[in-house]
Amino acid sequence: MENFYLQGIIAIVIVCLVVLCLGNLRKKSASFLGFIQRGIIGFLAILGMNKLFSVLAIPLFVGVNFWTLLTCAILGIPGVCMLFCICLF
């Protein structure tokens, strides 16, 4: 079970890196790709922070769903910080 989880994470990271590379190649659709890039980076930041907090035994978890990804895509890293701050309260 854990092996499938790790393979899934690796597959998501590879797809994210491909999208980020494609974003650097195309300049015409910069705003849309910037939106996608912020969403992907926010997604990876949420996963990383969730993993970090679980290792440190801090009960702080932000779920990954449409609304959290939309928040990350619009606001970027400050959106990720906002989501974790909201979870504190």
C-alpha atoms as a PDB file:
ATOM      1  CA  MET A   1       0.000   0.000   0.000  1.00  0.00           C
ATOM      2  CA  GLU A   2       2.761   2.406   0.937  1.00  0.00           C
ATOM      3  CA  ASN A   3       4.651   1.520  -2.251  1.00  0.00           C
ATOM      4  CA  PHE A   4       1.663   2.612  -4.368  1.00  0.00           C
ATOM      5  CA  TYR A   5       1.475   5.872  -2.424  1.00  0.00           C
ATOM      6  CA  LEU A   6       5.163   6.565  -3.083  1.00  0.00           C
ATOM      7  CA  GLN A   7       4.798   5.709  -6.782  1.00  0.00           C
ATOM      8  CA  GLY A   8       1.820   8.048  -7.017  1.00  0.00           C
ATOM      9  CA  ILE A   9       3.763  10.905  -5.441  1.00  0.00           C
ATOM     10  CA  ILE A  10       6.702  10.302  -7.793  1.00  0.00           C
ATOM     11  CA  ALA A  11       4.365  10.261 -10.810  1.00  0.00           C
ATOM     12  CA  ILE A  12       2.732  13.525  -9.695  1.00  0.00           C
ATOM     13  CA  VAL A  13       6.123  15.190  -9.214  1.00  0.00           C
ATOM     14  CA  ILE A  14       7.287  14.083 -12.677  1.00  0.00           C
ATOM     15  CA  VAL A  15       4.125  15.410 -14.310  1.00  0.00           C
ATOM     16  CA  CYS A  16       4.502  18.667 -12.390  1.00  0.00           C
ATOM     17  CA  LEU A  17       8.092  19.069 -13.544  1.00  0.00           C
ATOM     18  CA  VAL A  18       7.053  18.472 -17.172  1.00  0.00           C
ATOM     19  CA  VAL A  19       4.350  21.129 -16.863  1.00  0.00           C
ATOM     20  CA  LEU A  20       6.830  23.558 -15.301  1.00  0.00           C
ATOM     21  CA  CYS A  21       9.289  22.940 -18.151  1.00  0.00           C
ATOM     22  CA  LEU A  22       6.579  23.484 -20.738  1.00  0.00           C
ATOM     23  CA  GLY A  23       5.675  26.699 -18.967  1.00  0.00           C
ATOM     24  CA  ASN A  24       9.188  27.985 -19.436  1.00  0.00           C
ATOM     25  CA  LEU A  25       9.157  27.155 -23.159  1.00  0.00           C
ATOM     26  CA  ARG A  26       5.999  29.023 -24.066  1.00  0.00           C
ATOM     27  CA  LYS A  27       5.786  32.761 -23.594  1.00  0.00           C
ATOM     28  CA  LYS A  28       2.466  33.450 -25.331  1.00  0.00           C
ATOM     29  CA  SER A  29       0.231  31.848 -22.734  1.00  0.00           C
ATOM     30  CA  ALA A  30       2.245  33.059 -19.758  1.00  0.00           C
ATOM     31  CA  SER A  31      -0.724  34.051 -17.620  1.00  0.00           C
ATOM     32  CA  PHE A  32      -2.480  30.669 -17.904  1.00  0.00           C
ATOM     33  CA  LEU A  33       0.716  28.702 -17.390  1.00  0.00           C
ATOM     34  CA  GLY A  34       1.640  30.943 -14.464  1.00  0.00           C
ATOM     35  CA  PHE A  35      -1.720  30.069 -12.933  1.00  0.00           C
ATOM     36  CA  ILE A  36      -1.010  26.362 -13.461  1.00  0.00           C
ATOM     37  CA  GLN A  37       2.539  26.705 -12.105  1.00  0.00           C
ATOM     38  CA  ARG A  38       1.360  28.451  -8.946  1.00  0.00           C
ATOM     39  CA  GLY A  39      -1.217  25.708  -8.463  1.00  0.00           C
ATOM     40  CA  ILE A  40       1.372  22.957  -8.873  1.00  0.00           C
ATOM     41  CA  ILE A  41       3.911  24.633  -6.609  1.00  0.00           C
ATOM     42  CA  GLY A  42       1.200  25.248  -4.027  1.00  0.00           C
ATOM     43  CA  PHE A  43       0.108  21.608  -4.266  1.00  0.00           C
ATOM     44  CA  LEU A  44       3.671  20.409  -3.704  1.00  0.00           C
ATOM     45  CA  ALA A  45       4.117  22.885  -0.855  1.00  0.00           C
ATOM     46  CA  ILE A  46       0.966  21.609   0.863  1.00  0.00           C
ATOM     47  CA  LEU A  47       2.099  18.000   0.482  1.00  0.00           C
ATOM     48  CA  GLY A  48       5.562  18.835   1.800  1.00  0.00           C
ATOM     49  CA  MET A  49       4.270  20.838   4.748  1.00  0.00           C
ATOM     50  CA  ASN A  50       1.738  18.123   5.640  1.00  0.00           C
ATOM     51  CA  LYS A  51       4.513  15.519   5.574  1.00  0.00           C
ATOM     52  CA  LEU A  52       6.841  17.753   7.622  1.00  0.00           C
ATOM     53  CA  PHE A  53       4.193  18.426  10.260  1.00  0.00           C
ATOM     54  CA  SER A  54       3.297  14.743  10.486  1.00  0.00           C
ATOM     55  CA  VAL A  55       6.981  13.832  11.028  1.00  0.00           C
ATOM     56  CA  LEU A  56       7.285  16.517  13.702  1.00  0.00           C
ATOM     57  CA  ALA A  57       4.028  15.282  15.312  1.00  0.00           C
ATOM     58  CA  ILE A  58       2.334  18.662  14.905  1.00  0.00           C
ATOM     59  CA  PRO A  59      -1.417  18.224  14.400  1.00  0.00           C
ATOM     60  CA  LEU A  60      -1.728  20.598  11.458  1.00  0.00           C
ATOM     61  CA  PHE A  61      -3.106  19.248   8.184  1.00  0.00           C
ATOM     62  CA  VAL A  62      -4.468  20.984   5.088  1.00  0.00           C
ATOM     63  CA  GLY A  63      -6.502  18.770   2.810  1.00  0.00           C
ATOM     64  CA  VAL A  64      -5.881  18.874  -0.921  1.00  0.00           C
ATOM     65  CA  ASN A  65      -9.068  19.557  -2.837  1.00  0.00           C
ATOM     66  CA  PHE A  66     -10.360  21.843  -5.565  1.00  0.00           C
ATOM     67  CA  TRP A  67     -10.708  24.876  -3.303  1.00  0.00           C
ATOM     68  CA  THR A  68      -7.267  24.644  -1.750  1.00  0.00           C
ATOM     69  CA  LEU A  69      -5.676  24.185  -5.184  1.00  0.00           C
ATOM     70  CA  LEU A  70      -7.642  27.153  -6.517  1.00  0.00           C
ATOM     71  CA  THR A  71      -6.466  29.250  -3.572  1.00  0.00           C
ATOM     72  CA  CYS A  72      -2.861  28.244  -4.253  1.00  0.00           C
ATOM     73  CA  ALA A  73      -3.203  28.922  -7.975  1.00  0.00           C
ATOM     74  CA  ILE A  74      -4.591  32.397  -7.416  1.00  0.00           C
ATOM     75  CA  LEU A  75      -2.479  33.523  -4.453  1.00  0.00           C
ATOM     76  CA  GLY A  76       0.627  31.364  -4.764  1.00  0.00           C
ATOM     77  CA  ILE A  77       2.802  30.695  -1.716  1.00  0.00           C
ATOM     78  CA  PRO A  78       1.001  33.331   0.412  1.00  0.00           C
ATOM     79  CA  GLY A  79      -2.154  31.321  -0.246  1.00  0.00           C
ATOM     80  CA  VAL A  80      -0.467  28.204   1.133  1.00  0.00           C
ATOM     81  CA  CYS A  81       0.573  30.147   4.239  1.00  0.00           C
ATOM     82  CA  MET A  82      -2.983  31.442   4.608  1.00  0.00           C
ATOM     83  CA  LEU A  83      -4.428  27.928   4.418  1.00  0.00           C
ATOM     84  CA  PHE A  84      -2.108  26.697   7.154  1.00  0.00           C
ATOM     85  CA  CYS A  85      -2.858  29.751   9.298  1.00  0.00           C
ATOM     86  CA  ILE A  86      -6.594  29.097   8.925  1.00  0.00           C
ATOM     87  CA  CYS A  87      -6.026  25.532  10.125  1.00  0.00           C
ATOM     88  CA  LEU A  88      -4.436  26.877  13.290  1.00  0.00           C
ATOM     89  CA  PHE A  89      -7.754  28.404  14.376  1.00  0.00           C
END
